[in-house]
């Protein structure tokens, strides 16, 4: 077992596949509560979770005049639900079915006097089963859940730094529970052609709104469908020549099936300076997208931010 202080721990999907699948569905239960009570924000920015110093959180969800916050703590392995009037409920994160997790979460909401009906059908998952009927997914390995959070934490640190080098429209660094990935997205400022849709268990209207403008998006994904944990970068719409660009580091490849550049997490982890190596990937793939797409780079780019140093204005 690796020391729990390792910043970039090993995360082979083969070792925690069942826990990953179960945790994916648990985060959908939590994320759908935020979705049910949060006004729509462009590009579905009202639905993601956020990385914290202990795990993932919804941030404040406003229900009438009260606020609710739900967090997954991957240090003490608890689901923690708190309300703005001092209420608190906890649930141990242990192996349990998605259906049981769903029921427990609903009871926790009721104990804090919150009534938040949610859609029971998972999003972006093949062969989906309603959350309150899923008795198949029931795994939870605390060691690998903890490792996953540590990878998210370090990835969030680097993505947050990367985000500072852009003055155009940019998303927060946030965790999408549908696709189960951490992401940050930059925008050229121009509209995009309508997305064709077709995402599993996701209305086409949602997908088209999310991709209504040209983007360069990058992030971390724990893997699936024969792909191990990877960092990714893609452009929508994909500009001519993007997939043929030379990007850094050498381990990065363009996956034609997924339509994006992939950099294996293990290649980053094996690097003498993982954070710097990840920055090279993020910057080079963004530059490939922006250059191929004809972005006005001089208008939207700036130097990477420094602590307590205001960005100079010419």
Protein backbone atom coordinates (compact mmCIF):
# COMPACT_ATOMS: atom_id res chain seq x y z
CA UNK A 1 0.00 0.00 0.00
CA UNK A 2 1.29 3.45 -0.92
CA UNK A 3 1.79 6.13 1.73
CA UNK A 4 -1.31 8.31 2.02
CA UNK A 5 0.91 11.36 1.60
CA UNK A 6 1.82 10.47 -2.00
CA UNK A 7 0.59 13.37 -4.13
CA UNK A 8 0.14 11.36 -7.35
CA UNK A 9 -0.79 7.81 -6.27
CA UNK A 10 -1.18 4.82 -8.57
CA UNK A 11 -4.74 4.55 -9.88
CA UNK A 12 -5.03 1.53 -12.22
CA UNK A 13 -8.67 1.18 -13.16
CA UNK A 14 -8.36 -2.62 -13.02
CA UNK A 15 -7.82 -2.39 -9.25
CA UNK A 16 -10.90 -0.30 -8.43
CA UNK A 17 -13.24 -0.68 -11.40
CA UNK A 18 -16.23 -1.73 -9.27
CA UNK A 19 -15.67 1.03 -6.72
CA UNK A 20 -15.29 3.55 -9.55
CA UNK A 21 -18.61 2.48 -11.09
CA UNK A 22 -20.41 2.62 -7.75
CA UNK A 23 -18.90 5.97 -6.79
CA UNK A 24 -19.88 7.36 -10.19
CA UNK A 25 -23.50 6.51 -9.45
CA UNK A 26 -23.32 7.84 -5.88
CA UNK A 27 -22.09 11.18 -7.19
CA UNK A 28 -25.05 11.22 -9.59
CA UNK A 29 -27.44 10.94 -6.65
CA UNK A 30 -25.73 13.92 -4.98
CA UNK A 31 -25.34 15.91 -8.18
CA UNK A 32 -28.99 15.49 -9.13
CA UNK A 33 -29.98 17.15 -5.86
CA UNK A 34 -27.99 20.22 -6.90
CA UNK A 35 -29.48 20.03 -10.39
CA UNK A 36 -33.03 19.89 -9.01
CA UNK A 37 -32.69 23.10 -6.98
CA UNK A 38 -30.20 25.29 -8.88
CA UNK A 39 -31.23 27.72 -11.66
CA UNK A 40 -29.79 26.88 -15.06
CA UNK A 41 -26.39 28.40 -15.73
CA UNK A 42 -24.76 28.48 -19.16
CA UNK A 43 -23.04 25.26 -20.27
CA UNK A 44 -24.56 23.35 -17.31
CA UNK A 45 -22.21 25.08 -14.87
CA UNK A 46 -24.96 24.84 -12.24
CA UNK A 47 -24.63 21.06 -11.89
CA UNK A 48 -20.96 20.09 -11.20
CA UNK A 49 -19.33 19.22 -7.91
CA UNK A 50 -16.15 20.87 -6.64
CA UNK A 51 -12.92 19.44 -5.26
CA UNK A 52 -12.26 20.25 -1.61
CA UNK A 53 -9.47 19.62 0.89
CA UNK A 54 -11.31 16.43 1.90
CA UNK A 55 -13.26 15.28 -1.14
CA UNK A 56 -16.08 16.65 -3.29
CA UNK A 57 -18.91 19.05 -2.51
CA UNK A 58 -22.05 20.46 -4.08
CA UNK A 59 -21.30 23.89 -2.54
CA UNK A 60 -24.38 25.73 -1.20
CA UNK A 61 -27.71 24.63 -2.71
CA UNK A 62 -30.48 27.11 -2.00
CA UNK A 63 -33.86 25.62 -1.13
CA UNK A 64 -36.22 28.53 -0.60
CA UNK A 65 -34.54 30.65 2.10
CA UNK A 66 -32.36 27.84 3.45
CA UNK A 67 -29.09 26.46 2.13
CA UNK A 68 -27.99 22.84 1.90
CA UNK A 69 -24.50 21.53 1.26
CA UNK A 70 -23.60 17.90 0.60
CA UNK A 71 -20.01 16.65 0.71
CA UNK A 72 -18.22 13.37 0.12
CA UNK A 73 -15.34 13.12 2.58
CA UNK A 74 -12.67 10.71 1.32
CA UNK A 75 -10.49 11.05 4.42
CA UNK A 76 -13.03 10.00 7.05
CA UNK A 77 -15.17 8.28 4.38
CA UNK A 78 -18.45 9.93 5.15
CA UNK A 79 -21.26 11.62 3.30
CA UNK A 80 -21.92 14.85 5.19
CA UNK A 81 -25.06 16.93 4.73
CA UNK A 82 -25.37 20.31 6.48
CA UNK A 83 -27.98 23.06 6.44
CA UNK A 84 -27.73 26.80 7.00
CA UNK A 85 -29.86 26.56 10.15
CA UNK A 86 -27.40 24.25 11.90
CA UNK A 87 -28.69 20.86 10.82
CA UNK A 88 -26.27 18.03 10.11
CA UNK A 89 -26.58 14.42 8.97
CA UNK A 90 -23.87 11.88 8.18
CA UNK A 91 -23.62 8.55 6.40
CA UNK A 92 -20.64 6.21 6.50
CA UNK A 93 -19.17 5.45 3.08
CA UNK A 94 -19.04 1.66 3.09
CA UNK A 95 -20.00 -0.99 0.53
CA UNK A 96 -23.73 -0.60 -0.12
CA UNK A 97 -25.94 -0.76 -3.20
CA UNK A 98 -26.78 2.36 -5.16
CA UNK A 99 -30.44 1.73 -4.32
CA UNK A 100 -29.66 1.69 -0.59
CA UNK A 101 -27.46 4.79 -0.93
CA UNK A 102 -30.33 6.56 -2.71
CA UNK A 103 -32.77 5.67 0.08
CA UNK A 104 -30.35 6.73 2.82
CA UNK A 105 -29.73 10.09 1.14
CA UNK A 106 -33.46 10.71 0.83
CA UNK A 107 -33.89 9.95 4.55
CA UNK A 108 -31.05 12.35 5.38
CA UNK A 109 -32.76 15.09 3.39
CA UNK A 110 -36.02 14.43 5.19
CA UNK A 111 -34.28 14.54 8.59
CA UNK A 112 -33.14 18.09 7.74
CA UNK A 113 -36.62 19.02 6.47
CA UNK A 114 -35.63 19.21 2.81
CA UNK A 115 -37.90 17.87 0.08
CA UNK A 116 -35.85 17.49 -3.12
CA UNK A 117 -37.29 15.02 -5.64
CA UNK A 118 -34.72 14.02 -8.25
CA UNK A 119 -34.64 12.20 -11.56
CA UNK A 120 -33.92 8.54 -10.84
CA UNK A 121 -32.33 7.72 -14.20
CA UNK A 122 -28.52 7.98 -14.39
CA UNK A 123 -27.03 10.18 -17.11
CA UNK A 124 -24.32 9.36 -19.66
CA UNK A 125 -24.12 5.69 -18.61
CA UNK A 126 -24.88 2.73 -20.90
CA UNK A 127 -27.44 0.14 -19.76
CA UNK A 128 -28.59 2.53 -17.04
CA UNK A 129 -30.84 1.29 -14.24
CA UNK A 130 -32.93 3.70 -12.12
CA UNK A 131 -30.88 4.72 -9.10
CA UNK A 132 -33.43 3.45 -6.60
CA UNK A 133 -33.48 0.03 -8.30
CA UNK A 134 -29.74 -0.55 -8.76
CA UNK A 135 -28.73 -3.46 -6.53
CA UNK A 136 -25.76 -4.48 -8.70
CA UNK A 137 -23.28 -1.68 -7.98
CA UNK A 138 -22.33 -1.97 -4.31
CA UNK A 139 -18.53 -1.62 -4.01
CA UNK A 140 -16.51 0.84 -1.98
CA UNK A 141 -12.78 0.46 -1.46
CA UNK A 142 -11.75 3.34 0.84
CA UNK A 143 -8.11 3.16 -0.22
CA UNK A 144 -8.90 3.70 -3.89
CA UNK A 145 -11.59 6.28 -3.20
CA UNK A 146 -8.94 8.18 -1.25
CA UNK A 147 -6.41 7.81 -4.08
CA UNK A 148 -8.96 9.04 -6.61
CA UNK A 149 -9.57 12.17 -4.53
CA UNK A 150 -5.83 12.81 -4.23
CA UNK A 151 -5.48 12.66 -8.02
CA UNK A 152 -8.44 15.05 -8.34
CA UNK A 153 -6.81 17.37 -5.80
CA UNK A 154 -3.49 17.59 -7.64
CA UNK A 155 -5.20 17.81 -11.02
CA UNK A 156 -7.39 20.63 -9.72
CA UNK A 157 -4.29 22.46 -8.48
CA UNK A 158 -2.66 22.37 -11.93
CA UNK A 159 -5.88 23.08 -13.85
CA UNK A 160 -6.52 26.07 -11.59
CA UNK A 161 -3.05 27.41 -12.36
CA UNK A 162 -3.57 26.78 -16.08
CA UNK A 163 -6.87 28.69 -15.95
CA UNK A 164 -5.05 31.88 -14.86
CA UNK A 165 -3.35 32.20 -18.26
CA UNK A 166 -6.58 33.18 -20.01
CA UNK A 167 -8.59 36.41 -19.86
CA UNK A 168 -11.36 35.27 -22.17
CA UNK A 169 -14.42 33.39 -20.95
CA UNK A 170 -13.39 30.34 -18.96
CA UNK A 171 -15.24 27.83 -16.83
CA UNK A 172 -14.40 27.08 -13.21
CA UNK A 173 -12.44 23.91 -12.53
CA UNK A 174 -15.29 21.56 -11.73
CA UNK A 175 -16.26 17.90 -11.57
CA UNK A 176 -19.03 16.64 -13.84
CA UNK A 177 -20.83 13.70 -12.27
CA UNK A 178 -22.42 12.63 -15.56
CA UNK A 179 -19.18 12.01 -17.42
CA UNK A 180 -17.28 11.54 -14.12
CA UNK A 181 -14.41 13.86 -14.97
CA UNK A 182 -12.69 17.00 -13.75
CA UNK A 183 -12.68 19.75 -16.37
CA UNK A 184 -11.81 23.32 -17.27
CA UNK A 185 -13.00 24.92 -20.51
CA UNK A 186 -11.83 27.96 -22.49
CA UNK A 187 -14.02 29.76 -25.02
CA UNK A 188 -13.01 31.58 -28.20
CA UNK A 189 -15.98 33.95 -27.92
CA UNK A 190 -17.57 32.71 -31.15
CA UNK A 191 -20.74 30.64 -31.57
CA UNK A 192 -20.42 27.01 -32.61
CA UNK A 193 -22.55 24.98 -35.04
CA UNK A 194 -25.32 22.98 -33.32
CA UNK A 195 -24.00 19.89 -31.59
CA UNK A 196 -25.45 16.67 -33.07
CA UNK A 197 -26.43 15.42 -29.61
CA UNK A 198 -26.78 11.69 -29.08
CA UNK A 199 -25.15 11.53 -25.64
CA UNK A 200 -26.44 8.58 -23.61
CA UNK A 201 -29.36 9.47 -21.36
CA UNK A 202 -28.83 13.20 -21.81
CA UNK A 203 -31.35 15.41 -23.64
CA UNK A 204 -30.01 16.83 -26.91
CA UNK A 205 -31.10 20.30 -25.78
CA UNK A 206 -28.71 20.05 -22.81
CA UNK A 207 -25.80 18.97 -25.01
CA UNK A 208 -26.46 21.70 -27.58
CA UNK A 209 -26.60 24.38 -24.92
CA UNK A 210 -23.36 23.09 -23.39
CA UNK A 211 -21.57 23.30 -26.75
CA UNK A 212 -23.24 26.45 -28.08
CA UNK A 213 -19.85 28.19 -28.40
CA UNK A 214 -16.38 27.17 -29.58
CA UNK A 215 -14.33 25.56 -26.82
CA UNK A 216 -11.01 24.09 -25.89
CA UNK A 217 -11.61 21.79 -22.94
CA UNK A 218 -9.23 19.70 -20.84
CA UNK A 219 -9.30 17.65 -17.69
CA UNK A 220 -8.86 14.33 -15.91
CA UNK A 221 -10.89 11.13 -16.38
CA UNK A 222 -10.38 7.94 -14.32
CA UNK A 223 -10.93 5.83 -17.42
CA UNK A 224 -13.32 3.27 -18.88
CA UNK A 225 -14.12 1.28 -22.02
CA UNK A 226 -10.58 -0.03 -22.31
CA UNK A 227 -8.90 3.28 -21.48
CA UNK A 228 -7.02 3.69 -18.20
CA UNK A 229 -6.92 6.91 -16.18
CA UNK A 230 -5.95 9.79 -18.47
CA UNK A 231 -5.77 13.51 -18.92
CA UNK A 232 -7.63 14.68 -22.01
CA UNK A 233 -7.98 17.72 -24.25
CA UNK A 234 -10.40 18.35 -27.10
CA UNK A 235 -11.86 21.14 -29.20
CA UNK A 236 -15.45 21.67 -30.31
CA UNK A 237 -15.96 22.04 -33.14
CA UNK A 238 -12.75 20.22 -34.01
CA UNK A 239 -10.82 22.56 -36.34
CA UNK A 240 -8.98 21.15 -39.38
CA UNK A 241 -5.47 20.05 -38.48
CA UNK A 242 -6.09 19.86 -34.72
CA UNK A 243 -5.73 16.09 -34.45
CA UNK A 244 -2.46 16.18 -36.39
CA UNK A 245 -0.81 18.78 -34.16
CA UNK A 246 2.41 17.93 -32.35
CA UNK A 247 1.73 18.28 -28.64
CA UNK A 248 3.72 17.65 -25.46
CA UNK A 249 4.73 15.35 -23.88
CA UNK A 250 5.52 12.51 -26.29
CA UNK A 251 3.21 10.12 -24.43
CA UNK A 252 0.17 12.14 -25.55
CA UNK A 253 -1.77 10.71 -28.49
CA UNK A 254 -4.91 11.64 -30.39
CA UNK A 255 -7.62 9.02 -29.82
CA UNK A 256 -9.72 8.96 -33.00
CA UNK A 257 -12.56 7.06 -31.35
CA UNK A 258 -12.95 9.60 -28.56
CA UNK A 259 -11.93 12.56 -30.73
CA UNK A 260 -9.49 14.01 -28.22
CA UNK A 261 -5.88 14.00 -27.11
CA UNK A 262 -5.16 11.59 -24.26
CA UNK A 263 -2.19 11.55 -21.91
CA UNK A 264 -2.02 8.48 -19.65
CA UNK A 265 -2.07 9.36 -15.97
CA UNK A 266 0.79 6.92 -15.43
CA UNK A 267 2.98 8.98 -17.78
CA UNK A 268 2.36 12.05 -15.63
CA UNK A 269 2.87 10.12 -12.41
CA UNK A 270 6.22 8.75 -13.65
CA UNK A 271 7.49 12.21 -14.57
CA UNK A 272 10.10 13.89 -12.30
CA UNK A 273 7.76 16.91 -12.13
CA UNK A 274 4.15 15.75 -12.74
CA UNK A 275 2.64 19.21 -12.34
CA UNK A 276 4.96 20.78 -14.89
CA UNK A 277 4.49 17.88 -17.30
CA UNK A 278 0.71 18.25 -17.05
CA UNK A 279 1.00 21.99 -17.71
CA UNK A 280 2.95 21.23 -20.90
CA UNK A 281 0.10 18.99 -22.06
CA UNK A 282 -2.60 21.51 -21.20
CA UNK A 283 -0.80 24.42 -22.82
CA UNK A 284 0.30 22.62 -25.99
CA UNK A 285 -3.13 21.10 -26.69
CA UNK A 286 -4.86 24.44 -26.04
CA UNK A 287 -2.42 26.17 -28.41
CA UNK A 288 -3.12 23.49 -31.03
CA UNK A 289 -6.88 24.09 -30.73
CA UNK A 290 -6.62 27.89 -30.67
CA UNK A 291 -4.19 28.09 -33.57
CA UNK A 292 -6.06 25.60 -35.77
CA UNK A 293 -9.36 27.28 -34.90
CA UNK A 294 -8.14 30.79 -35.67
CA UNK A 295 -8.81 32.20 -32.19
CA UNK A 296 -7.81 35.80 -31.47
CA UNK A 297 -5.12 34.58 -29.10
CA UNK A 298 -3.63 38.00 -28.42
CA UNK A 299 -7.01 39.15 -27.06
CA UNK A 300 -7.67 36.21 -24.75
CA UNK A 301 -4.29 35.00 -23.46
CA UNK A 302 -2.12 36.31 -20.65
CA UNK A 303 0.78 35.10 -18.53
CA UNK A 304 0.16 32.51 -15.81
CA UNK A 305 -0.96 34.18 -12.59
CA UNK A 306 1.30 34.64 -9.57
CA UNK A 307 0.23 34.94 -5.96
CA UNK A 308 -0.33 38.56 -4.83
CA UNK A 309 0.81 39.97 -8.20
CA UNK A 310 -1.93 41.84 -10.11
CA UNK A 311 -2.09 41.09 -13.80
CA UNK A 312 -0.38 43.99 -15.60
CA UNK A 313 -2.59 46.07 -17.90
CA UNK A 314 -0.91 47.74 -20.86
